[in-house]
Amino acid sequence: MSWLFGILFVITLLTWFGREFFLRKGTEKLGALLNDLTQGRTPADFQIEGAFFEHGQQAALIAKELTHLHRQRELAEANLQIILSSMQEGVLVADSRRTVRLANPAASKLFNLSANFFGRPVLETLREPTLDTMIADALKTGEPQESELEIAGRKPPLILVVNVTPMRDATGEAGALVMFRDITRLTQLEQVRREFVANVSHELRTPLAIFQGYVENLQDAPDMSAENRSETFAILAKHSQRLNALVEDLLILARLEARQHEMEIETLEVADFCSEMARDWAVRLAKKNVTLRLDIAENLPVIEGDRMRLEQVFNNLLDNALKYTPEGSTITFGAALVNDMVDLWVKDEGQGILSADLPHIFERFYRADKARSRELGGTGLGLSIVKHIAQAHGGSVSAESTYGQGLTVHVRLPRN
């Protein structure tokens, strides 16, 4: 019987050792699986034999869920980067120590940030004490801050609307989200609008004041002599024509800027167009003893354009040239092919324009010689209308002048 107990003991011992071996092996496999998962790696095999089989299956489910969450996080981060990169507004995130944690490309461009801005103080990075103070106030009070910020050293100065919103990150640390909106262009347009209103008011005030004065004079002196009455009516007629010209030019300019005028495009032979313009102006030129010389290059390509609007362009240019050209002088009306564009120009022999005034002559109401321009009946809008019509045709305008030697205005239009 002793030998039977010996055999049973050996069997029991072997069973225990076998169970311990497989248990240790399963434990090691499960530990390796969990270690891979904690390190962010996906194990190649989740099969564990024996008692840990179900644990292996659970580990497989955990790995699958972790992979799904990782992909969702990557997708969310990619979407966030896409959104931040495509935003026109600048975005900057600062932490509780007022150091930069994030800045999108728009913010980097606004402040010319270098690549190593991460973790640097906002004041050192952006060099704007006002902005640093706004972030500090937002962090201290927990209240949003808003202000306009003008960035000096730029031409024109950069004007931003800044919104600072206090926030907390995933760990609960306080921070601030800063949004920058560039309103430089809007500010410039508002300034242009104010100047335009002021200029219109100023242009209207003078003839209206004259009207009022002479009308009151007629009312106060009903027995005015026929000669004085005739002179008064002539003055009223002159200023009514000036008012009418001003209002007409304002309406034309408004329609051009709003693109409300539908152009009637046709094919125009440049030489024929210039010759027709010259014939139209022959009488007025002869009255002032001014010669119009045509300088048209041969074999010019045709252009596509609205004849009425282009006639308006060169009527304005020829009218200006005639006003400022002395008697007995010559005005040149020319055309040539320049850089694949048809360049039409009008050159006079007047006083010309100072170099400081030259870049501004196509602005509304800009007059290099204000007193003389009003004396000659100009509204200050003619060259602005010329510019808008040329641009509506896909072209451009420019001017060149040497003071004392006349002015040349170029209108370049696309060839057909």
Protein backbone atom coordinates (compact mmCIF):
# COMPACT_ATOMS: atom_id res chain seq x y z
CA MET A 1 0.00 0.00 0.00
CA SER A 2 2.92 2.33 0.65
CA TRP A 3 3.82 2.32 -2.96
CA LEU A 4 0.23 3.39 -3.79
CA PHE A 5 0.48 6.37 -1.44
CA GLY A 6 3.84 7.22 -3.02
CA ILE A 7 2.32 7.24 -6.48
CA LEU A 8 -0.60 9.42 -5.31
CA PHE A 9 1.84 11.82 -3.66
CA VAL A 10 3.92 12.08 -6.81
CA ILE A 11 0.80 12.66 -8.92
CA THR A 12 -0.44 15.32 -6.49
CA LEU A 13 2.96 16.99 -6.48
CA LEU A 14 3.19 16.97 -10.27
CA THR A 15 -0.33 18.36 -10.52
CA TRP A 16 0.54 21.14 -8.11
CA PHE A 17 3.76 21.98 -9.97
CA GLY A 18 1.91 21.93 -13.29
CA ARG A 19 -0.82 24.16 -11.93
CA GLU A 20 1.76 26.57 -10.50
CA PHE A 21 3.66 26.60 -13.82
CA PHE A 22 0.62 27.44 -15.90
CA LEU A 23 -0.56 29.94 -13.27
CA ARG A 24 2.82 31.70 -13.32
CA LYS A 25 2.92 31.60 -17.11
CA GLY A 26 -0.59 33.08 -17.30
CA THR A 27 0.31 35.73 -14.74
CA GLU A 28 3.39 36.71 -16.72
CA LYS A 29 1.39 36.86 -19.98
CA LEU A 30 -1.32 38.97 -18.35
CA GLY A 31 1.35 41.27 -16.82
CA ALA A 32 2.97 41.68 -20.25
CA LEU A 33 -0.42 42.50 -21.80
CA LEU A 34 -1.17 45.12 -19.14
CA ASN A 35 2.34 46.58 -19.46
CA ASP A 36 1.90 46.95 -23.23
CA LEU A 37 -1.47 48.63 -22.73
CA THR A 38 -0.11 51.10 -20.16
CA GLN A 39 2.76 51.93 -22.55
CA GLY A 40 0.31 52.64 -25.36
CA ARG A 41 1.26 49.56 -27.35
CA THR A 42 -1.20 47.08 -28.81
CA PRO A 43 -0.22 43.46 -27.96
CA ALA A 44 -0.03 41.07 -30.89
CA ASP A 45 -1.83 38.27 -29.02
CA PHE A 46 -4.40 38.34 -26.23
CA GLN A 47 -4.76 34.56 -25.87
CA ILE A 48 -3.99 33.30 -22.33
CA GLU A 49 -4.52 29.66 -21.60
CA GLY A 50 -6.10 28.46 -18.42
CA ALA A 51 -7.60 30.49 -15.61
CA PHE A 52 -6.61 33.83 -17.15
CA PHE A 53 -8.40 33.23 -20.45
CA GLU A 54 -11.26 35.59 -19.60
CA HIS A 55 -8.78 38.21 -18.39
CA GLY A 56 -7.07 38.05 -21.77
CA GLN A 57 -10.39 38.62 -23.52
CA GLN A 58 -11.13 41.57 -21.25
CA ALA A 59 -7.68 42.99 -22.02
CA ALA A 60 -8.50 42.68 -25.74
CA LEU A 61 -11.69 44.69 -25.20
CA ILE A 62 -9.76 47.31 -23.23
CA ALA A 63 -7.15 47.54 -26.02
CA LYS A 64 -9.88 47.96 -28.60
CA GLU A 65 -11.51 50.74 -26.59
CA LEU A 66 -8.16 52.45 -26.01
CA THR A 67 -7.43 52.32 -29.74
CA HIS A 68 -10.83 53.85 -30.45
CA LEU A 69 -10.27 56.60 -27.86
CA HIS A 70 -6.78 57.27 -29.23
CA ARG A 71 -8.13 57.65 -32.74
CA GLN A 72 -10.89 59.95 -31.49
CA ARG A 73 -8.31 62.08 -29.70
CA GLU A 74 -6.10 62.25 -32.80
CA LEU A 75 -9.13 63.20 -34.92
CA ALA A 76 -10.19 65.87 -32.40
CA GLU A 77 -6.65 67.29 -32.31
CA ALA A 78 -6.45 67.26 -36.11
CA ASN A 79 -9.82 69.02 -36.37
CA LEU A 80 -8.73 71.57 -33.78
CA GLN A 81 -5.53 72.27 -35.73
CA ILE A 82 -7.51 72.62 -38.96
CA ILE A 83 -9.93 75.04 -37.31
CA LEU A 84 -7.16 77.10 -35.69
CA SER A 85 -5.13 77.18 -38.91
CA SER A 86 -8.08 78.28 -41.05
CA MET A 87 -9.31 81.01 -38.68
CA GLN A 88 -8.85 84.60 -39.81
CA GLU A 89 -8.87 85.69 -36.17
CA GLY A 90 -5.75 85.27 -34.10
CA VAL A 91 -6.00 82.85 -31.15
CA LEU A 92 -3.58 82.66 -28.24
CA VAL A 93 -3.75 80.61 -25.03
CA ALA A 94 -1.87 81.70 -21.91
CA ASP A 95 -1.53 79.77 -18.64
CA SER A 96 -1.83 81.01 -15.05
CA ARG A 97 1.77 82.31 -15.18
CA ARG A 98 0.92 84.34 -18.30
CA THR A 99 3.18 82.26 -20.53
CA VAL A 100 2.19 81.31 -24.06
CA ARG A 101 0.84 77.78 -24.42
CA LEU A 102 -0.58 77.99 -27.94
CA ALA A 103 -0.88 80.44 -30.84
CA ASN A 104 -2.53 79.79 -34.19
CA PRO A 105 -0.95 80.88 -37.51
CA ALA A 106 -3.09 84.04 -37.68
CA ALA A 107 -1.80 85.21 -34.28
CA SER A 108 1.78 84.32 -35.24
CA LYS A 109 1.43 86.41 -38.40
CA LEU A 110 -0.11 89.39 -36.58
CA PHE A 111 2.78 89.60 -34.13
CA ASN A 112 5.56 88.09 -36.27
CA LEU A 113 6.11 85.33 -33.72
CA SER A 114 9.17 83.12 -33.99
CA ALA A 115 8.87 79.33 -33.85
CA ASN A 116 10.02 79.06 -30.22
CA PHE A 117 7.29 81.11 -28.54
CA PHE A 118 5.93 78.16 -26.50
CA GLY A 119 6.43 78.62 -22.75
CA ARG A 120 7.70 82.19 -23.03
CA PRO A 121 6.01 85.07 -21.15
CA VAL A 122 3.30 86.91 -23.06
CA LEU A 123 4.95 90.28 -22.45
CA GLU A 124 8.30 89.06 -23.76
CA THR A 125 6.72 87.34 -26.76
CA LEU A 126 4.22 89.98 -27.92
CA ARG A 127 5.82 93.10 -26.39
CA GLU A 128 2.42 94.62 -25.68
CA PRO A 129 2.05 95.70 -21.99
CA THR A 130 -1.66 96.45 -22.46
CA LEU A 131 -2.35 92.89 -23.56
CA ASP A 132 -0.34 91.44 -20.66
CA THR A 133 -2.36 93.61 -18.26
CA MET A 134 -5.65 92.44 -19.81
CA ILE A 135 -4.66 88.78 -19.32
CA ALA A 136 -3.61 89.48 -15.71
CA ASP A 137 -6.95 91.18 -15.01
CA ALA A 138 -8.91 88.32 -16.57
CA LEU A 139 -7.02 85.76 -14.46
CA LYS A 140 -7.45 87.83 -11.29
CA THR A 141 -11.12 88.77 -11.63
CA GLY A 142 -12.41 85.82 -13.65
CA GLU A 143 -14.18 88.35 -15.88
CA PRO A 144 -13.74 88.68 -19.69
CA GLN A 145 -11.77 91.68 -20.91
CA GLU A 146 -12.23 93.55 -24.20
CA SER A 147 -10.31 96.45 -25.71
CA GLU A 148 -8.93 97.92 -28.92
CA LEU A 149 -5.19 97.60 -29.34
CA GLU A 150 -3.10 99.65 -31.75
CA ILE A 151 0.18 98.02 -32.76
CA ALA A 152 2.68 100.79 -33.37
CA GLY A 153 5.54 100.61 -35.81
CA ARG A 154 3.35 99.46 -38.71
CA LYS A 155 2.32 101.41 -41.80
CA PRO A 156 -0.60 101.77 -41.49
CA PRO A 157 -0.84 101.04 -37.75
CA LEU A 158 -2.41 97.67 -36.99
CA ILE A 159 -5.67 98.00 -35.04
CA LEU A 160 -7.01 94.93 -33.24
CA VAL A 161 -10.08 94.17 -31.18
CA VAL A 162 -8.84 91.96 -28.32
CA ASN A 163 -11.08 89.66 -26.25
CA VAL A 164 -9.57 87.86 -23.25
CA THR A 165 -11.69 85.09 -21.70
CA PRO A 166 -10.64 83.32 -18.48
CA MET A 167 -10.70 79.51 -18.69
CA ARG A 168 -9.45 76.31 -17.06
CA ASP A 169 -7.68 73.42 -18.75
CA ALA A 170 -8.35 69.69 -18.24
CA THR A 171 -6.25 69.65 -15.05
CA GLY A 172 -8.15 72.58 -13.58
CA GLU A 173 -5.30 75.09 -14.00
CA ALA A 174 -6.44 78.65 -14.72
CA GLY A 175 -5.61 80.20 -18.07
CA ALA A 176 -6.81 82.73 -20.62
CA LEU A 177 -8.06 82.47 -24.18
CA VAL A 178 -7.14 85.54 -26.23
CA MET A 179 -8.87 86.38 -29.53
CA PHE A 180 -7.53 89.01 -31.94
CA ARG A 181 -9.68 90.51 -34.70
CA ASP A 182 -7.96 92.78 -37.21
CA ILE A 183 -10.16 95.85 -37.84
CA THR A 184 -7.48 97.94 -39.55
CA ARG A 185 -9.31 97.87 -42.89
CA LEU A 186 -12.67 98.66 -41.27
CA THR A 187 -11.11 101.57 -39.39
CA GLN A 188 -9.59 102.89 -42.61
CA LEU A 189 -12.93 102.60 -44.41
CA GLU A 190 -14.67 104.42 -41.57
CA GLN A 191 -12.06 107.16 -41.79
CA VAL A 192 -12.58 107.37 -45.55
CA ARG A 193 -16.34 107.58 -45.00
CA ARG A 194 -15.97 110.42 -42.49
CA GLU A 195 -13.62 112.28 -44.80
CA PHE A 196 -15.99 111.72 -47.72
CA VAL A 197 -18.96 113.10 -45.78
CA ALA A 198 -16.88 116.07 -44.64
CA ASN A 199 -15.67 116.73 -48.19
CA VAL A 200 -19.16 116.49 -49.68
CA SER A 201 -20.49 118.83 -47.01
CA HIS A 202 -17.67 121.27 -47.69
CA GLU A 203 -18.19 121.14 -51.46
CA LEU A 204 -21.92 121.70 -51.11
CA ARG A 205 -21.63 124.43 -48.49
CA THR A 206 -19.96 127.03 -50.73
CA PRO A 207 -22.42 127.06 -53.65
CA LEU A 208 -25.40 126.75 -51.29
CA ALA A 209 -24.16 129.67 -49.21
CA ILE A 210 -23.75 131.71 -52.42
CA PHE A 211 -27.24 130.69 -53.50
CA GLN A 212 -28.70 131.75 -50.18
CA GLY A 213 -26.89 135.07 -50.22
CA TYR A 214 -27.97 136.06 -53.71
CA VAL A 215 -31.54 134.84 -53.23
CA GLU A 216 -31.79 136.93 -50.05
CA ASN A 217 -30.34 139.84 -51.99
CA LEU A 218 -33.06 139.47 -54.63
CA GLN A 219 -35.72 139.33 -51.91
CA ASP A 220 -34.34 142.37 -50.08
CA ALA A 221 -33.96 144.45 -53.26
CA PRO A 222 -37.03 143.92 -55.44
CA ASP A 223 -36.23 147.14 -57.31
CA MET A 224 -32.76 145.93 -58.30
CA SER A 225 -31.62 147.23 -61.67
CA ALA A 226 -31.89 144.97 -64.69
CA GLU A 227 -28.09 144.91 -65.01
CA ASN A 228 -27.56 143.79 -61.39
CA ARG A 229 -30.41 141.31 -61.65
CA SER A 230 -28.91 139.81 -64.81
CA GLU A 231 -25.50 139.54 -63.11
CA THR A 232 -27.10 137.86 -60.07
CA PHE A 233 -28.92 135.32 -62.23
CA ALA A 234 -25.69 134.55 -64.09
CA ILE A 235 -23.92 133.84 -60.80
CA LEU A 236 -26.83 131.66 -59.63
CA ALA A 237 -26.77 129.76 -62.93
CA LYS A 238 -23.01 129.20 -62.65
CA HIS A 239 -23.27 127.73 -59.17
CA SER A 240 -26.35 125.69 -60.02
CA GLN A 241 -24.33 124.10 -62.82
CA ARG A 242 -21.55 123.41 -60.33
CA LEU A 243 -24.02 121.81 -57.92
CA ASN A 244 -25.52 119.73 -60.70
CA ALA A 245 -22.08 118.55 -61.85
CA LEU A 246 -21.14 117.63 -58.27
CA VAL A 247 -24.34 115.66 -57.66
CA GLU A 248 -24.03 113.93 -61.04
CA ASP A 249 -20.42 112.92 -60.34
CA LEU A 250 -21.39 111.67 -56.88
CA LEU A 251 -24.14 109.50 -58.37
CA ILE A 252 -21.82 108.13 -61.05
CA LEU A 253 -19.15 107.33 -58.47
CA ALA A 254 -21.70 105.68 -56.13
CA ARG A 255 -22.99 103.47 -58.96
CA LEU A 256 -19.47 102.51 -60.02
CA GLU A 257 -18.38 101.66 -56.47
CA ALA A 258 -21.57 99.65 -55.87
CA ARG A 259 -21.17 98.01 -59.32
CA GLN A 260 -24.79 98.78 -60.08
CA HIS A 261 -24.06 99.87 -63.63
CA GLU A 262 -24.23 97.05 -66.15
CA MET A 263 -21.68 97.81 -68.82
CA GLU A 264 -22.57 97.36 -72.47
CA ILE A 265 -19.44 95.69 -73.78
CA GLU A 266 -18.47 95.97 -77.42
CA THR A 267 -15.33 95.57 -79.49
CA LEU A 268 -13.50 98.86 -80.06
CA GLU A 269 -10.79 99.70 -82.57
CA VAL A 270 -8.38 101.88 -80.60
CA ALA A 271 -7.34 104.16 -83.50
CA ASP A 272 -10.97 104.78 -84.52
CA PHE A 273 -12.00 105.44 -80.91
CA CYS A 274 -9.21 108.01 -80.41
CA SER A 275 -9.99 109.72 -83.74
CA GLU A 276 -13.66 110.05 -82.79
CA MET A 277 -12.71 111.57 -79.44
CA ALA A 278 -10.44 114.06 -81.22
CA ARG A 279 -13.29 115.11 -83.56
CA ASP A 280 -15.65 115.59 -80.61
CA TRP A 281 -13.17 117.95 -78.96
CA ALA A 282 -12.14 119.91 -82.04
CA VAL A 283 -14.40 122.92 -81.39
CA ARG A 284 -13.52 123.37 -77.70
CA LEU A 285 -9.82 122.99 -78.45
CA ALA A 286 -10.00 125.56 -81.24
CA LYS A 287 -11.69 128.10 -78.94
CA LYS A 288 -8.65 128.02 -76.64
CA ASN A 289 -6.16 127.75 -79.52
CA VAL A 290 -4.89 124.39 -78.26
CA THR A 291 -3.75 121.65 -80.63
CA LEU A 292 -4.63 117.98 -80.06
CA ARG A 293 -1.97 115.65 -81.43
CA LEU A 294 -2.74 111.95 -81.90
CA ASP A 295 0.12 109.52 -81.30
CA ILE A 296 -1.43 106.12 -82.05
CA ALA A 297 0.83 103.11 -82.59
CA GLU A 298 0.15 100.92 -85.62
CA ASN A 299 -1.48 97.48 -85.53
CA LEU A 300 -2.89 97.84 -82.04
CA PRO A 301 -5.16 94.99 -80.88
CA VAL A 302 -8.82 95.74 -80.29
CA ILE A 303 -10.20 96.21 -76.78
CA GLU A 304 -13.47 95.13 -75.21
CA GLY A 305 -15.26 97.89 -73.34
CA ASP A 306 -18.28 100.05 -72.67
CA ARG A 307 -17.96 102.85 -75.22
CA MET A 308 -19.98 105.35 -73.17
CA ARG A 309 -17.94 104.76 -70.02
CA LEU A 310 -14.61 104.90 -71.85
CA GLU A 311 -15.68 108.12 -73.55
CA GLN A 312 -16.43 109.44 -70.07
CA VAL A 313 -12.88 108.53 -69.01
CA PHE A 314 -11.20 110.42 -71.82
CA ASN A 315 -13.66 113.31 -71.74
CA ASN A 316 -12.58 113.80 -68.12
CA LEU A 317 -8.88 113.54 -69.00
CA LEU A 318 -9.13 115.84 -72.02
CA ASP A 319 -11.22 118.33 -70.03
CA ASN A 320 -8.58 118.44 -67.28
CA ALA A 321 -5.80 118.78 -69.83
CA LEU A 322 -7.59 121.66 -71.58
CA LYS A 323 -8.23 123.48 -68.28
CA TYR A 324 -4.57 123.46 -67.29
CA THR A 325 -2.90 123.81 -70.70
CA PRO A 326 -1.98 127.38 -71.74
CA GLU A 327 -3.25 128.82 -75.00
CA GLY A 328 -1.16 127.93 -78.01
CA SER A 329 0.04 124.67 -76.41
CA THR A 330 -0.41 121.04 -77.44
CA ILE A 331 -2.25 118.12 -75.83
CA THR A 332 -1.15 114.65 -76.87
CA PHE A 333 -3.61 111.75 -76.98
CA GLY A 334 -1.71 108.52 -77.54
CA ALA A 335 -2.02 104.74 -77.51
CA ALA A 336 0.49 101.88 -77.57
CA LEU A 337 0.86 98.25 -76.54
CA VAL A 338 2.73 97.98 -73.20
CA ASN A 339 3.26 94.65 -71.44
CA ASP A 340 0.35 93.08 -73.31
CA MET A 341 -1.97 95.91 -72.21
CA VAL A 342 -3.27 98.71 -74.40
CA ASP A 343 -1.96 101.93 -72.86
CA LEU A 344 -3.94 105.06 -73.73
CA TRP A 345 -2.62 108.33 -72.37
CA VAL A 346 -3.35 112.05 -72.33
CA LYS A 347 -0.43 114.44 -71.90
CA ASP A 348 -0.75 118.20 -71.38
CA GLU A 349 1.75 121.07 -71.25
CA GLY A 350 0.41 122.67 -68.10
CA GLN A 351 2.10 123.34 -64.76
CA GLY A 352 2.12 119.70 -63.76
CA ILE A 353 1.79 118.14 -60.30
CA LEU A 354 4.19 118.19 -57.39
CA SER A 355 5.65 114.76 -56.58
CA ALA A 356 4.05 114.87 -53.12
CA ASP A 357 0.59 115.28 -54.66
CA LEU A 358 0.99 112.80 -57.50
CA PRO A 359 0.12 109.57 -55.58
CA HIS A 360 -3.16 111.14 -54.37
CA ILE A 361 -4.69 112.63 -57.50
CA PHE A 362 -7.05 109.67 -58.05
CA GLU A 363 -8.56 110.04 -54.57
CA ARG A 364 -12.00 111.52 -54.22
CA PHE A 365 -12.02 115.33 -53.77
CA TYR A 366 -8.22 115.51 -53.83
CA ARG A 367 -7.03 118.70 -55.50
CA ALA A 368 -3.40 119.62 -55.92
CA ASP A 369 -4.38 123.27 -56.51
CA LYS A 370 -7.67 123.65 -54.65
CA ALA A 371 -8.33 127.31 -55.40
CA ARG A 372 -7.64 127.03 -59.12
CA SER A 373 -9.56 123.77 -59.46
CA ARG A 374 -12.72 125.30 -58.00
CA GLU A 375 -12.22 128.42 -60.11
CA LEU A 376 -12.15 126.21 -63.22
CA GLY A 377 -15.29 124.36 -62.15
CA GLY A 378 -13.84 121.01 -61.08
CA THR A 379 -15.73 118.77 -58.66
CA GLY A 380 -12.67 116.87 -57.44
CA LEU A 381 -14.23 113.56 -58.52
CA GLY A 382 -13.23 113.29 -62.17
CA LEU A 383 -10.01 111.31 -61.75
CA SER A 384 -11.62 109.06 -59.15
CA ILE A 385 -14.32 108.24 -61.70
CA VAL A 386 -11.59 107.55 -64.28
CA LYS A 387 -9.92 105.10 -61.89
CA HIS A 388 -13.15 103.22 -61.11
CA ILE A 389 -14.14 102.89 -64.78
CA ALA A 390 -10.67 101.60 -65.70
CA GLN A 391 -10.79 99.05 -62.87
CA ALA A 392 -14.29 97.97 -63.91
CA HIS A 393 -12.74 97.09 -67.31
CA GLY A 394 -9.98 95.07 -65.64
CA GLY A 395 -7.46 97.86 -66.19
CA SER A 396 -5.56 100.42 -64.16
CA VAL A 397 -4.57 104.09 -64.11
CA SER A 398 -1.35 105.90 -63.28
CA ALA A 399 0.11 109.37 -63.67
CA GLU A 400 3.54 110.88 -64.15
CA SER A 401 4.61 114.48 -63.97
CA THR A 402 7.60 116.75 -63.61
CA TYR A 403 6.48 119.97 -61.98
CA GLY A 404 6.45 122.75 -64.53
CA GLN A 405 6.42 120.32 -67.48
CA GLY A 406 2.87 119.03 -67.61
CA LEU A 407 1.03 115.88 -66.56
CA THR A 408 0.55 112.53 -68.30
CA VAL A 409 -2.25 110.20 -67.25
CA HIS A 410 -2.13 106.57 -68.44
CA VAL A 411 -5.14 104.27 -68.71
CA ARG A 412 -4.13 100.65 -69.32
CA LEU A 413 -6.83 98.27 -70.60
CA PRO A 414 -6.65 94.56 -71.37
CA ARG A 415 -6.21 93.68 -75.02
CA ASN A 416 -8.79 91.40 -76.62
